[in-house]
C-alpha atoms as a PDB file:
ATOM      1  CA  UNK A   1      -9.581  -3.546  -4.169  1.00  0.00           C
ATOM      2  CA  UNK A   2     -12.733  -2.838  -6.059  1.00  0.00           C
ATOM      3  CA  UNK A   3     -10.034  -0.912  -8.741  1.00  0.00           C
ATOM      4  CA  UNK A   4      -8.422  -3.843  -8.401  1.00  0.00           C
ATOM      5  CA  UNK A   5     -10.997  -6.209  -9.276  1.00  0.00           C
ATOM      6  CA  UNK A   6     -11.774  -3.348 -11.987  1.00  0.00           C
ATOM      7  CA  UNK A   7      -8.977  -4.138 -13.658  1.00  0.00           C
ATOM      8  CA  UNK A   8      -8.232  -7.869 -13.311  1.00  0.00           C
ATOM      9  CA  UNK A   9     -11.693  -8.048 -14.731  1.00  0.00           C
ATOM     10  CA  UNK A  10     -10.662  -5.429 -17.373  1.00  0.00           C
ATOM     11  CA  UNK A  11      -7.636  -7.501 -18.208  1.00  0.00           C
ATOM     12  CA  UNK A  12      -9.664 -11.151 -18.219  1.00  0.00           C
ATOM     13  CA  UNK A  13     -11.786  -9.382 -20.907  1.00  0.00           C
ATOM     14  CA  UNK A  14      -8.883  -8.118 -22.757  1.00  0.00           C
ATOM     15  CA  UNK A  15      -7.373 -11.848 -22.854  1.00  0.00           C
ATOM     16  CA  UNK A  16     -10.347 -13.223 -23.765  1.00  0.00           C
ATOM     17  CA  UNK A  17     -11.169 -11.064 -26.956  1.00  0.00           C
ATOM     18  CA  UNK A  18      -7.717 -11.777 -28.094  1.00  0.00           C
ATOM     19  CA  UNK A  19      -5.388  -9.220 -26.986  1.00  0.00           C
ATOM     20  CA  UNK A  20      -2.453 -10.513 -25.207  1.00  0.00           C
ATOM     21  CA  UNK A  21      -0.086  -7.801 -25.888  1.00  0.00           C
ATOM     22  CA  UNK A  22       1.332  -6.960 -22.621  1.00  0.00           C
ATOM     23  CA  UNK A  23       1.415  -3.031 -23.885  1.00  0.00           C
ATOM     24  CA  UNK A  24      -2.110  -3.191 -23.907  1.00  0.00           C
ATOM     25  CA  UNK A  25      -2.587  -5.709 -20.537  1.00  0.00           C
ATOM     26  CA  UNK A  26      -0.253  -1.860 -19.103  1.00  0.00           C
ATOM     27  CA  UNK A  27      -2.777  -0.196 -20.080  1.00  0.00           C
ATOM     28  CA  UNK A  28      -5.481  -1.053 -17.749  1.00  0.00           C
ATOM     29  CA  UNK A  29      -3.195  -0.512 -15.251  1.00  0.00           C
ATOM     30  CA  UNK A  30      -3.024   3.023 -16.102  1.00  0.00           C
ATOM     31  CA  UNK A  31      -6.852   3.744 -16.509  1.00  0.00           C
ATOM     32  CA  UNK A  32      -8.452   5.822 -14.367  1.00  0.00           C
ATOM     33  CA  UNK A  33     -11.352   3.794 -12.394  1.00  0.00           C
ATOM     34  CA  UNK A  34     -14.789   5.722 -12.048  1.00  0.00           C
ATOM     35  CA  UNK A  35     -16.183   5.915  -7.921  1.00  0.00           C
ATOM     36  CA  UNK A  36     -19.547   5.428  -9.221  1.00  0.00           C
ATOM     37  CA  UNK A  37     -22.655   2.960  -7.763  1.00  0.00           C
ATOM     38  CA  UNK A  38     -21.922   0.912  -4.592  1.00  0.00           C
ATOM     39  CA  UNK A  39     -18.475   1.975  -4.458  1.00  0.00           C
ATOM     40  CA  UNK A  40     -19.420   5.452  -4.289  1.00  0.00           C
ATOM     41  CA  UNK A  41     -21.692   4.554  -1.369  1.00  0.00           C
ATOM     42  CA  UNK A  42     -19.449   2.729   0.420  1.00  0.00           C
ATOM     43  CA  UNK A  43     -16.402   5.260   0.137  1.00  0.00           C
ATOM     44  CA  UNK A  44     -18.564   8.050   0.866  1.00  0.00           C
ATOM     45  CA  UNK A  45     -19.668   6.275   4.058  1.00  0.00           C
ATOM     46  CA  UNK A  46     -16.645   5.297   5.166  1.00  0.00           C
ATOM     47  CA  UNK A  47     -15.750   9.515   5.221  1.00  0.00           C
ATOM     48  CA  UNK A  48     -18.370  10.222   7.343  1.00  0.00           C
ATOM     49  CA  UNK A  49     -17.247   7.926   9.298  1.00  0.00           C
ATOM     50  CA  UNK A  50     -14.566   8.708   9.564  1.00  0.00           C
ATOM     51  CA  UNK A  51     -15.576  12.576  10.432  1.00  0.00           C
ATOM     52  CA  UNK A  52     -17.416  11.053  13.264  1.00  0.00           C
ATOM     53  CA  UNK A  53     -15.185   9.231  14.887  1.00  0.00           C
ATOM     54  CA  UNK A  54     -12.354  11.989  14.839  1.00  0.00           C
ATOM     55  CA  UNK A  55     -15.303  14.907  16.686  1.00  0.00           C
ATOM     56  CA  UNK A  56     -16.148  12.161  18.927  1.00  0.00           C
ATOM     57  CA  UNK A  57     -12.500  11.786  20.058  1.00  0.00           C
ATOM     58  CA  UNK A  58     -12.056  15.314  20.145  1.00  0.00           C
ATOM     59  CA  UNK A  59     -15.451  15.947  22.171  1.00  0.00           C
ATOM     60  CA  UNK A  60     -14.622  12.284  24.801  1.00  0.00           C
ATOM     61  CA  UNK A  61     -10.335  13.812  25.150  1.00  0.00           C
ATOM     62  CA  UNK A  62     -12.310  17.024  25.746  1.00  0.00           C
ATOM     63  CA  UNK A  63     -14.125  15.947  28.300  1.00  0.00           C
ATOM     64  CA  UNK A  64     -11.345  14.288  30.253  1.00  0.00           C
ATOM     65  CA  UNK A  65      -8.741  17.021  29.731  1.00  0.00           C
ATOM     66  CA  UNK A  66     -10.633  20.324  30.186  1.00  0.00           C
ATOM     67  CA  UNK A  67      -9.435  22.618  27.960  1.00  0.00           C
ATOM     68  CA  UNK A  68      -7.000  20.044  26.385  1.00  0.00           C
ATOM     69  CA  UNK A  69      -4.509  20.952  29.004  1.00  0.00           C
ATOM     70  CA  UNK A  70      -2.731  18.353  31.668  1.00  0.00           C
ATOM     71  CA  UNK A  71      -3.505  18.720  35.163  1.00  0.00           C
ATOM     72  CA  UNK A  72      -0.259  19.069  37.253  1.00  0.00           C
ATOM     73  CA  UNK A  73      -1.503  17.945  40.297  1.00  0.00           C
ATOM     74  CA  UNK A  74      -3.738  15.137  41.092  1.00  0.00           C
ATOM     75  CA  UNK A  75      -5.799  14.444  44.438  1.00  0.00           C
ATOM     76  CA  UNK A  76      -5.632  10.241  44.956  1.00  0.00           C
ATOM     77  CA  UNK A  77      -7.206   8.460  46.721  1.00  0.00           C
ATOM     78  CA  UNK A  78      -7.423   5.299  44.751  1.00  0.00           C
ATOM     79  CA  UNK A  79      -7.059   2.080  46.529  1.00  0.00           C
ATOM     80  CA  UNK A  80      -3.657   2.184  47.544  1.00  0.00           C
ATOM     81  CA  UNK A  81      -3.583   4.916  48.799  1.00  0.00           C
ATOM     82  CA  UNK A  82      -4.489   4.627  52.791  1.00  0.00           C
ATOM     83  CA  UNK A  83      -5.881   8.297  52.234  1.00  0.00           C
ATOM     84  CA  UNK A  84      -5.721  11.652  49.837  1.00  0.00           C
ATOM     85  CA  UNK A  85      -2.409  12.159  48.438  1.00  0.00           C
ATOM     86  CA  UNK A  86      -0.856  14.679  45.463  1.00  0.00           C
ATOM     87  CA  UNK A  87      -0.123  12.835  42.567  1.00  0.00           C
ATOM     88  CA  UNK A  88       2.233  15.488  40.332  1.00  0.00           C
ATOM     89  CA  UNK A  89       2.134  14.867  36.685  1.00  0.00           C
ATOM     90  CA  UNK A  90       5.232  13.854  34.635  1.00  0.00           C
ATOM     91  CA  UNK A  91       6.138  17.164  31.982  1.00  0.00           C
ATOM     92  CA  UNK A  92       2.794  18.160  32.105  1.00  0.00           C
ATOM     93  CA  UNK A  93       3.783  21.337  29.590  1.00  0.00           C
ATOM     94  CA  UNK A  94       5.290  18.484  27.127  1.00  0.00           C
ATOM     95  CA  UNK A  95       2.058  16.507  27.237  1.00  0.00           C
ATOM     96  CA  UNK A  96       0.218  19.589  26.617  1.00  0.00           C
ATOM     97  CA  UNK A  97       2.112  20.599  23.575  1.00  0.00           C
ATOM     98  CA  UNK A  98       1.452  16.962  22.194  1.00  0.00           C
ATOM     99  CA  UNK A  99      -2.130  16.741  23.244  1.00  0.00           C
ATOM    100  CA  UNK A 100      -2.383  19.808  21.321  1.00  0.00           C
ATOM    101  CA  UNK A 101      -0.788  19.309  18.095  1.00  0.00           C
ATOM    102  CA  UNK A 102      -2.154  15.995  18.018  1.00  0.00           C
ATOM    103  CA  UNK A 103      -5.521  17.412  18.868  1.00  0.00           C
ATOM    104  CA  UNK A 104      -5.185  19.971  16.138  1.00  0.00           C
ATOM    105  CA  UNK A 105      -3.952  17.493  13.761  1.00  0.00           C
ATOM    106  CA  UNK A 106      -7.483  15.523  13.821  1.00  0.00           C
ATOM    107  CA  UNK A 107      -9.001  19.301  13.045  1.00  0.00           C
ATOM    108  CA  UNK A 108      -7.264  19.458   9.972  1.00  0.00           C
ATOM    109  CA  UNK A 109      -8.214  15.711   9.083  1.00  0.00           C
ATOM    110  CA  UNK A 110     -11.961  16.743   9.865  1.00  0.00           C
ATOM    111  CA  UNK A 111     -12.178  19.310   7.950  1.00  0.00           C
ATOM    112  CA  UNK A 112     -10.153  17.530   5.096  1.00  0.00           C
ATOM    113  CA  UNK A 113     -12.827  14.505   5.067  1.00  0.00           C
ATOM    114  CA  UNK A 114     -15.754  17.509   5.195  1.00  0.00           C
ATOM    115  CA  UNK A 115     -14.373  19.140   2.267  1.00  0.00           C
ATOM    116  CA  UNK A 116     -14.211  15.686   0.355  1.00  0.00           C
ATOM    117  CA  UNK A 117     -17.964  13.819   1.363  1.00  0.00           C
ATOM    118  CA  UNK A 118     -18.668  18.006  -0.286  1.00  0.00           C
ATOM    119  CA  UNK A 119     -16.266  17.136  -3.431  1.00  0.00           C
ATOM    120  CA  UNK A 120     -18.132  13.558  -3.606  1.00  0.00           C
ATOM    121  CA  UNK A 121     -21.220  14.836  -3.386  1.00  0.00           C
ATOM    122  CA  UNK A 122     -20.804  17.493  -6.084  1.00  0.00           C
ATOM    123  CA  UNK A 123     -18.713  14.950  -8.233  1.00  0.00           C
ATOM    124  CA  UNK A 124     -21.835  12.820  -7.894  1.00  0.00           C
ATOM    125  CA  UNK A 125     -24.263  15.825  -8.656  1.00  0.00           C
ATOM    126  CA  UNK A 126     -22.435  16.971 -11.663  1.00  0.00           C
ATOM    127  CA  UNK A 127     -22.268  13.639 -13.061  1.00  0.00           C
ATOM    128  CA  UNK A 128     -25.921  12.490 -12.797  1.00  0.00           C
ATOM    129  CA  UNK A 129     -27.098  15.446 -14.136  1.00  0.00           C
ATOM    130  CA  UNK A 130     -24.947  15.365 -17.122  1.00  0.00           C
ATOM    131  CA  UNK A 131     -26.297  12.237 -17.683  1.00  0.00           C
ATOM    132  CA  UNK A 132     -29.438  12.765 -17.147  1.00  0.00           C
ATOM    133  CA  UNK A 133     -28.929  15.753 -19.507  1.00  0.00           C
ATOM    134  CA  UNK A 134     -27.426  13.742 -22.198  1.00  0.00           C
ATOM    135  CA  UNK A 135     -30.293  11.481 -22.583  1.00  0.00           C
ATOM    136  CA  UNK A 136     -32.457  13.591 -22.710  1.00  0.00           C
ATOM    137  CA  UNK A 137     -30.767  15.656 -25.898  1.00  0.00           C
ATOM    138  CA  UNK A 138     -29.892  11.498 -27.366  1.00  0.00           C
ATOM    139  CA  UNK A 139     -33.753  11.114 -27.234  1.00  0.00           C
ATOM    140  CA  UNK A 140     -34.445  14.783 -28.274  1.00  0.00           C
ATOM    141  CA  UNK A 141     -31.959  13.779 -31.361  1.00  0.00           C
ATOM    142  CA  UNK A 142     -33.388  10.152 -32.154  1.00  0.00           C
ATOM    143  CA  UNK A 143     -37.146  11.400 -32.093  1.00  0.00           C
ATOM    144  CA  UNK A 144     -35.846  14.605 -34.281  1.00  0.00           C
ATOM    145  CA  UNK A 145     -34.318  12.013 -36.620  1.00  0.00           C
ATOM    146  CA  UNK A 146     -37.022   9.860 -36.490  1.00  0.00           C
ATOM    147  CA  UNK A 147     -39.306  12.561 -37.859  1.00  0.00           C
ATOM    148  CA  UNK A 148     -36.776  13.721 -40.161  1.00  0.00           C
ATOM    149  CA  UNK A 149     -36.819  10.535 -42.483  1.00  0.00           C
ATOM    150  CA  UNK A 150     -40.521   9.693 -41.904  1.00  0.00           C
ATOM    151  CA  UNK A 151     -40.926  12.668 -43.884  1.00  0.00           C
ATOM    152  CA  UNK A 152     -38.124  12.696 -46.477  1.00  0.00           C
ATOM    153  CA  UNK A 153     -37.831   8.712 -47.062  1.00  0.00           C
ATOM    154  CA  UNK A 154     -42.166   9.015 -47.943  1.00  0.00           C
ATOM    155  CA  UNK A 155     -42.911   7.199 -44.926  1.00  0.00           C
ATOM    156  CA  UNK A 156     -45.921   9.679 -44.541  1.00  0.00           C
ATOM    157  CA  UNK A 157     -45.756  11.247 -48.216  1.00  0.00           C
ATOM    158  CA  UNK A 158     -49.560  10.783 -49.746  1.00  0.00           C
ATOM    159  CA  UNK A 159     -49.753  10.323 -53.504  1.00  0.00           C
ATOM    160  CA  UNK A 160     -50.786  13.463 -54.929  1.00  0.00           C
ATOM    161  CA  UNK A 161     -54.471  14.378 -54.864  1.00  0.00           C
ATOM    162  CA  UNK A 162     -54.730  11.735 -52.280  1.00  0.00           C
ATOM    163  CA  UNK A 163     -56.878  13.289 -48.984  1.00  0.00           C
ATOM    164  CA  UNK A 164     -56.688  12.270 -45.289  1.00  0.00           C
ATOM    165  CA  UNK A 165     -60.462  11.101 -45.019  1.00  0.00           C
ATOM    166  CA  UNK A 166     -59.477   7.981 -46.725  1.00  0.00           C
ATOM    167  CA  UNK A 167     -57.874   6.209 -44.041  1.00  0.00           C
ATOM    168  CA  UNK A 168     -61.631   7.049 -41.977  1.00  0.00           C
ATOM    169  CA  UNK A 169     -63.507   6.024 -44.413  1.00  0.00           C
ATOM    170  CA  UNK A 170     -66.108   3.672 -44.861  1.00  0.00           C
ATOM    171  CA  UNK A 171     -67.138   1.481 -47.302  1.00  0.00           C
END
């Protein structure tokens, strides 16, 4: 949804600036949108929520079915039965196989989600360090240019024979 909003805003800016060429508008769709700021936090938290949700599901399933195996025989003493009755579960082996398949798919999803969180955090940290490193280099470069301009263009040049004491001299 956020990507569609960003693309719509870019198209709007292009149209307002007088670029109504369909090829230019089509290029906006092909551009990658960087996940940053609030969108990055929202996406990362949704992935963390998926990890927690899947892990809780697997844990609760383990509590209900110890060892993730379907029980073949259940002793039932619930309402319709006047006394304890043996209830046989239909096709327990097939249900166990399906359960193991479902839980292994959940395990793979958890592993992929954890990898994605590490990737997002690593990418965010590298962008942040690159941005701070670039800003430091840019500031240093600008300062060097200003120093060069100040010394070369004569802002700091003094007339021959003048001394620094002139500025401090009292009359």
